[in-house]
Amino acid sequence: MITVGDVLKYIPTSTVGKVTDVREKEGKIWAKLDFTNLYYETSLLQPADPSEYKAVSYKEREKKSSTARSAAEKTVEDLHKEEDELDISGFAATGGG
């Protein structure tokens, strides 16, 4: 039986987290892992070695998310700038074809 505080691994992605909540819905049992803050069907979870668990605070998770979002936005802005500056006149078709 899975209980709050257990350290589990989600088999498909090897995500390891500590159980923060357990719920039953539509005949299935779901466990919420702190690492992703998502619920996982317990049939896809297995006990993990505590050494595999790395606690991530909410602030750290938000900081990483914000940094990744900023990098993605900057990349899109850079692409638009490069597109505006790109001279394709040398690639235009010539001739009467």
N, C-alpha and C. Protein backbone atom coordinates (compact mmCIF):
# COMPACT_ATOMS: atom_id res chain seq x y z
N MET A 1 0.84 -1.18 0.00
CA MET A 1 0.00 0.00 0.00
C MET A 1 0.89 1.25 0.00
N ILE A 2 0.55 2.21 -0.82
CA ILE A 2 1.31 3.45 -0.94
C ILE A 2 0.79 4.45 0.09
N THR A 3 1.73 5.10 0.77
CA THR A 3 1.35 6.10 1.77
C THR A 3 2.14 7.39 1.55
N VAL A 4 1.61 8.47 2.08
CA VAL A 4 2.28 9.77 1.99
C VAL A 4 3.67 9.64 2.62
N GLY A 5 4.67 10.15 1.91
CA GLY A 5 6.04 10.09 2.38
C GLY A 5 6.87 9.02 1.70
N ASP A 6 6.21 8.06 1.03
CA ASP A 6 6.94 7.03 0.30
C ASP A 6 7.73 7.66 -0.85
N VAL A 7 8.90 7.09 -1.15
CA VAL A 7 9.69 7.53 -2.29
C VAL A 7 9.45 6.53 -3.41
N LEU A 8 8.89 7.03 -4.53
CA LEU A 8 8.51 6.16 -5.63
C LEU A 8 9.11 6.64 -6.94
N LYS A 9 9.18 5.72 -7.89
CA LYS A 9 9.68 6.02 -9.23
C LYS A 9 8.57 5.72 -10.23
N TYR A 10 8.32 6.69 -11.13
CA TYR A 10 7.38 6.51 -12.23
C TYR A 10 8.12 5.75 -13.31
N ILE A 11 7.69 4.54 -13.60
CA ILE A 11 8.43 3.62 -14.47
C ILE A 11 8.71 4.18 -15.87
N PRO A 12 7.73 4.74 -16.59
CA PRO A 12 8.01 5.18 -17.97
C PRO A 12 9.12 6.23 -18.11
N THR A 13 9.26 7.13 -17.13
CA THR A 13 10.25 8.20 -17.28
C THR A 13 11.35 8.17 -16.21
N SER A 14 11.23 7.26 -15.27
CA SER A 14 12.17 7.15 -14.13
C SER A 14 12.16 8.39 -13.24
N THR A 15 11.07 9.13 -13.25
CA THR A 15 10.92 10.27 -12.36
C THR A 15 10.76 9.76 -10.93
N VAL A 16 11.56 10.31 -10.03
CA VAL A 16 11.51 9.89 -8.62
C VAL A 16 10.97 11.04 -7.79
N GLY A 17 10.04 10.74 -6.91
CA GLY A 17 9.49 11.77 -6.05
C GLY A 17 8.94 11.18 -4.78
N LYS A 18 8.63 12.07 -3.86
CA LYS A 18 8.04 11.67 -2.59
C LYS A 18 6.53 11.87 -2.69
N VAL A 19 5.77 10.90 -2.23
CA VAL A 19 4.30 10.96 -2.30
C VAL A 19 3.80 12.03 -1.33
N THR A 20 2.98 12.95 -1.87
CA THR A 20 2.40 14.01 -1.05
C THR A 20 0.90 13.83 -0.86
N ASP A 21 0.28 12.98 -1.70
CA ASP A 21 -1.17 12.75 -1.60
C ASP A 21 -1.50 11.45 -2.31
N VAL A 22 -2.52 10.76 -1.83
CA VAL A 22 -3.01 9.54 -2.47
C VAL A 22 -4.51 9.68 -2.60
N ARG A 23 -5.03 9.40 -3.80
CA ARG A 23 -6.47 9.52 -4.07
C ARG A 23 -6.96 8.34 -4.88
N GLU A 24 -8.25 8.06 -4.72
CA GLU A 24 -8.90 7.05 -5.55
C GLU A 24 -9.94 7.75 -6.41
N LYS A 25 -9.91 7.45 -7.71
CA LYS A 25 -10.88 8.04 -8.63
C LYS A 25 -11.19 7.02 -9.70
N GLU A 26 -12.47 6.78 -9.92
CA GLU A 26 -12.95 5.86 -10.94
C GLU A 26 -12.31 4.48 -10.83
N GLY A 27 -12.13 4.03 -9.59
CA GLY A 27 -11.59 2.69 -9.35
C GLY A 27 -10.09 2.57 -9.47
N LYS A 28 -9.39 3.67 -9.70
CA LYS A 28 -7.93 3.66 -9.79
C LYS A 28 -7.36 4.48 -8.64
N ILE A 29 -6.18 4.06 -8.18
CA ILE A 29 -5.50 4.80 -7.12
C ILE A 29 -4.39 5.63 -7.74
N TRP A 30 -4.34 6.89 -7.34
CA TRP A 30 -3.38 7.85 -7.89
C TRP A 30 -2.53 8.39 -6.75
N ALA A 31 -1.24 8.59 -7.00
CA ALA A 31 -0.33 9.17 -6.02
C ALA A 31 0.30 10.42 -6.62
N LYS A 32 0.35 11.47 -5.83
CA LYS A 32 0.95 12.73 -6.27
C LYS A 32 2.40 12.77 -5.81
N LEU A 33 3.32 13.02 -6.76
CA LEU A 33 4.74 13.11 -6.44
C LEU A 33 5.15 14.58 -6.33
N ASP A 34 5.97 14.87 -5.32
CA ASP A 34 6.37 16.26 -5.09
C ASP A 34 7.27 16.81 -6.18
N PHE A 35 8.04 15.97 -6.83
CA PHE A 35 9.00 16.45 -7.82
C PHE A 35 8.32 17.15 -8.99
N THR A 36 7.20 16.58 -9.45
CA THR A 36 6.48 17.16 -10.59
C THR A 36 5.16 17.82 -10.19
N ASN A 37 4.71 17.52 -8.98
CA ASN A 37 3.42 18.00 -8.50
C ASN A 37 2.27 17.44 -9.34
N LEU A 38 2.48 16.24 -9.90
CA LEU A 38 1.47 15.57 -10.72
C LEU A 38 1.04 14.26 -10.07
N TYR A 39 -0.17 13.81 -10.44
CA TYR A 39 -0.67 12.52 -9.97
C TYR A 39 -0.30 11.44 -10.98
N TYR A 40 0.09 10.27 -10.47
CA TYR A 40 0.46 9.13 -11.30
C TYR A 40 -0.37 7.93 -10.88
N GLU A 41 -0.81 7.15 -11.86
CA GLU A 41 -1.52 5.91 -11.55
C GLU A 41 -0.54 4.98 -10.84
N THR A 42 -0.95 4.45 -9.71
CA THR A 42 -0.02 3.70 -8.88
C THR A 42 0.47 2.41 -9.53
N SER A 43 -0.24 1.90 -10.51
CA SER A 43 0.24 0.69 -11.19
C SER A 43 1.51 0.97 -11.99
N LEU A 44 1.82 2.25 -12.25
CA LEU A 44 3.02 2.63 -12.99
C LEU A 44 4.12 3.16 -12.08
N LEU A 45 3.94 2.99 -10.78
CA LEU A 45 4.93 3.43 -9.81
C LEU A 45 5.57 2.23 -9.12
N GLN A 46 6.83 2.37 -8.77
CA GLN A 46 7.51 1.32 -8.02
C GLN A 46 8.34 1.98 -6.92
N PRO A 47 8.60 1.26 -5.84
CA PRO A 47 9.44 1.83 -4.79
C PRO A 47 10.81 2.21 -5.33
N ALA A 48 11.32 3.33 -4.88
CA ALA A 48 12.64 3.80 -5.31
C ALA A 48 13.57 3.84 -4.11
N ASP A 49 14.83 3.72 -4.38
CA ASP A 49 15.83 3.84 -3.33
C ASP A 49 15.87 5.30 -2.88
N PRO A 50 15.85 5.55 -1.59
CA PRO A 50 15.90 6.95 -1.13
C PRO A 50 17.08 7.74 -1.68
N SER A 51 18.17 7.06 -2.04
CA SER A 51 19.32 7.78 -2.60
C SER A 51 19.03 8.35 -3.98
N GLU A 52 17.99 7.84 -4.65
CA GLU A 52 17.60 8.36 -5.97
C GLU A 52 16.79 9.64 -5.86
N TYR A 53 16.27 9.91 -4.67
CA TYR A 53 15.39 11.06 -4.47
C TYR A 53 16.20 12.32 -4.23
N LYS A 54 15.86 13.35 -4.96
CA LYS A 54 16.48 14.66 -4.76
C LYS A 54 15.36 15.66 -4.53
N ALA A 55 15.33 16.20 -3.34
CA ALA A 55 14.29 17.18 -3.01
C ALA A 55 14.51 18.46 -3.80
N VAL A 56 13.44 18.96 -4.39
CA VAL A 56 13.50 20.22 -5.13
C VAL A 56 12.45 21.14 -4.52
N SER A 57 12.90 22.27 -4.03
CA SER A 57 11.95 23.19 -3.42
C SER A 57 11.10 23.86 -4.49
N TYR A 58 9.96 24.35 -4.07
CA TYR A 58 9.05 25.04 -4.99
C TYR A 58 9.76 26.24 -5.63
N LYS A 59 10.55 26.98 -4.85
CA LYS A 59 11.25 28.15 -5.39
C LYS A 59 12.25 27.74 -6.47
N GLU A 60 12.99 26.65 -6.24
CA GLU A 60 13.94 26.18 -7.24
C GLU A 60 13.23 25.76 -8.51
N ARG A 61 12.10 25.07 -8.36
CA ARG A 61 11.34 24.61 -9.52
C ARG A 61 10.83 25.81 -10.32
N GLU A 62 10.32 26.83 -9.63
CA GLU A 62 9.83 28.03 -10.30
C GLU A 62 10.97 28.77 -10.99
N LYS A 63 12.14 28.84 -10.34
CA LYS A 63 13.28 29.53 -10.93
C LYS A 63 13.73 28.85 -12.22
N LYS A 64 13.81 27.50 -12.19
CA LYS A 64 14.20 26.75 -13.39
C LYS A 64 13.18 26.94 -14.49
N SER A 65 11.91 26.90 -14.13
CA SER A 65 10.84 27.08 -15.11
C SER A 65 10.90 28.47 -15.73
N SER A 66 11.13 29.47 -14.90
CA SER A 66 11.20 30.84 -15.38
C SER A 66 12.41 31.04 -16.29
N THR A 67 13.55 30.46 -15.92
CA THR A 67 14.76 30.57 -16.72
C THR A 67 14.56 29.91 -18.08
N ALA A 68 13.97 28.73 -18.10
CA ALA A 68 13.72 28.03 -19.35
C ALA A 68 12.75 28.81 -20.23
N ARG A 69 11.72 29.39 -19.60
CA ARG A 69 10.74 30.17 -20.35
C ARG A 69 11.41 31.40 -20.95
N SER A 70 12.28 32.08 -20.19
CA SER A 70 12.99 33.26 -20.69
C SER A 70 13.89 32.89 -21.86
N ALA A 71 14.58 31.77 -21.76
CA ALA A 71 15.47 31.32 -22.83
C ALA A 71 14.66 31.04 -24.09
N ALA A 72 13.51 30.41 -23.94
CA ALA A 72 12.68 30.10 -25.10
C ALA A 72 12.15 31.38 -25.74
N GLU A 73 11.72 32.33 -24.93
CA GLU A 73 11.22 33.59 -25.46
C GLU A 73 12.33 34.36 -26.17
N LYS A 74 13.50 34.36 -25.59
CA LYS A 74 14.63 35.05 -26.19
C LYS A 74 14.98 34.41 -27.53
N THR A 75 14.94 33.13 -27.60
CA THR A 75 15.24 32.42 -28.84
C THR A 75 14.23 32.80 -29.92
N VAL A 76 12.97 32.87 -29.58
CA VAL A 76 11.95 33.25 -30.56
C VAL A 76 12.18 34.68 -31.02
N GLU A 77 12.48 35.57 -30.09
CA GLU A 77 12.75 36.96 -30.45
C GLU A 77 13.97 37.05 -31.37
N ASP A 78 15.01 36.28 -31.05
CA ASP A 78 16.21 36.28 -31.88
C ASP A 78 15.90 35.77 -33.29
N LEU A 79 15.08 34.75 -33.38
CA LEU A 79 14.71 34.21 -34.70
C LEU A 79 13.95 35.24 -35.53
N HIS A 80 13.03 35.95 -34.88
CA HIS A 80 12.30 36.99 -35.61
C HIS A 80 13.24 38.10 -36.08
N LYS A 81 14.20 38.46 -35.23
CA LYS A 81 15.16 39.50 -35.61
C LYS A 81 16.02 39.02 -36.79
N GLU A 82 16.50 37.78 -36.72
CA GLU A 82 17.30 37.24 -37.80
C GLU A 82 16.49 37.16 -39.09
N GLU A 83 15.23 36.80 -38.97
CA GLU A 83 14.37 36.71 -40.15
C GLU A 83 14.22 38.08 -40.80
N ASP A 84 14.05 39.11 -39.98
CA ASP A 84 13.90 40.47 -40.51
C ASP A 84 15.19 40.95 -41.18
N GLU A 85 16.34 40.51 -40.68
CA GLU A 85 17.62 40.96 -41.21
C GLU A 85 18.13 40.11 -42.36
N LEU A 86 17.53 38.98 -42.61
CA LEU A 86 18.00 38.04 -43.63
C LEU A 86 17.77 38.60 -45.04
N ASP A 87 18.81 38.57 -45.84
CA ASP A 87 18.73 39.02 -47.22
C ASP A 87 18.66 37.77 -48.11
N ILE A 88 17.50 37.55 -48.72
CA ILE A 88 17.34 36.36 -49.56
C ILE A 88 17.38 36.70 -51.05
N SER A 89 17.78 37.92 -51.38
CA SER A 89 17.77 38.32 -52.79
C SER A 89 18.70 37.45 -53.63
N GLY A 90 19.76 36.92 -53.03
CA GLY A 90 20.67 36.06 -53.77
C GLY A 90 20.10 34.68 -54.04
N PHE A 91 18.99 34.35 -53.41
CA PHE A 91 18.38 33.03 -53.57
C PHE A 91 17.14 33.07 -54.46
N ALA A 92 16.80 34.25 -54.94
CA ALA A 92 15.59 34.39 -55.76
C ALA A 92 15.80 33.75 -57.13
N ALA A 93 14.73 33.19 -57.64
CA ALA A 93 14.79 32.56 -58.96
C ALA A 93 15.01 33.62 -60.04
N THR A 94 15.84 33.28 -60.99
CA THR A 94 16.08 34.19 -62.12
C THR A 94 15.78 33.43 -63.40
N GLY A 95 15.41 34.11 -64.38
CA GLY A 95 15.13 33.45 -65.66
C GLY A 95 13.63 33.42 -65.91
N GLY A 96 13.31 33.08 -67.08
CA GLY A 96 11.92 33.15 -67.52
C GLY A 96 11.18 31.84 -67.44
N GLY A 97 11.80 30.76 -67.08
CA GLY A 97 11.33 29.46 -66.86
C GLY A 97 10.19 28.94 -67.45
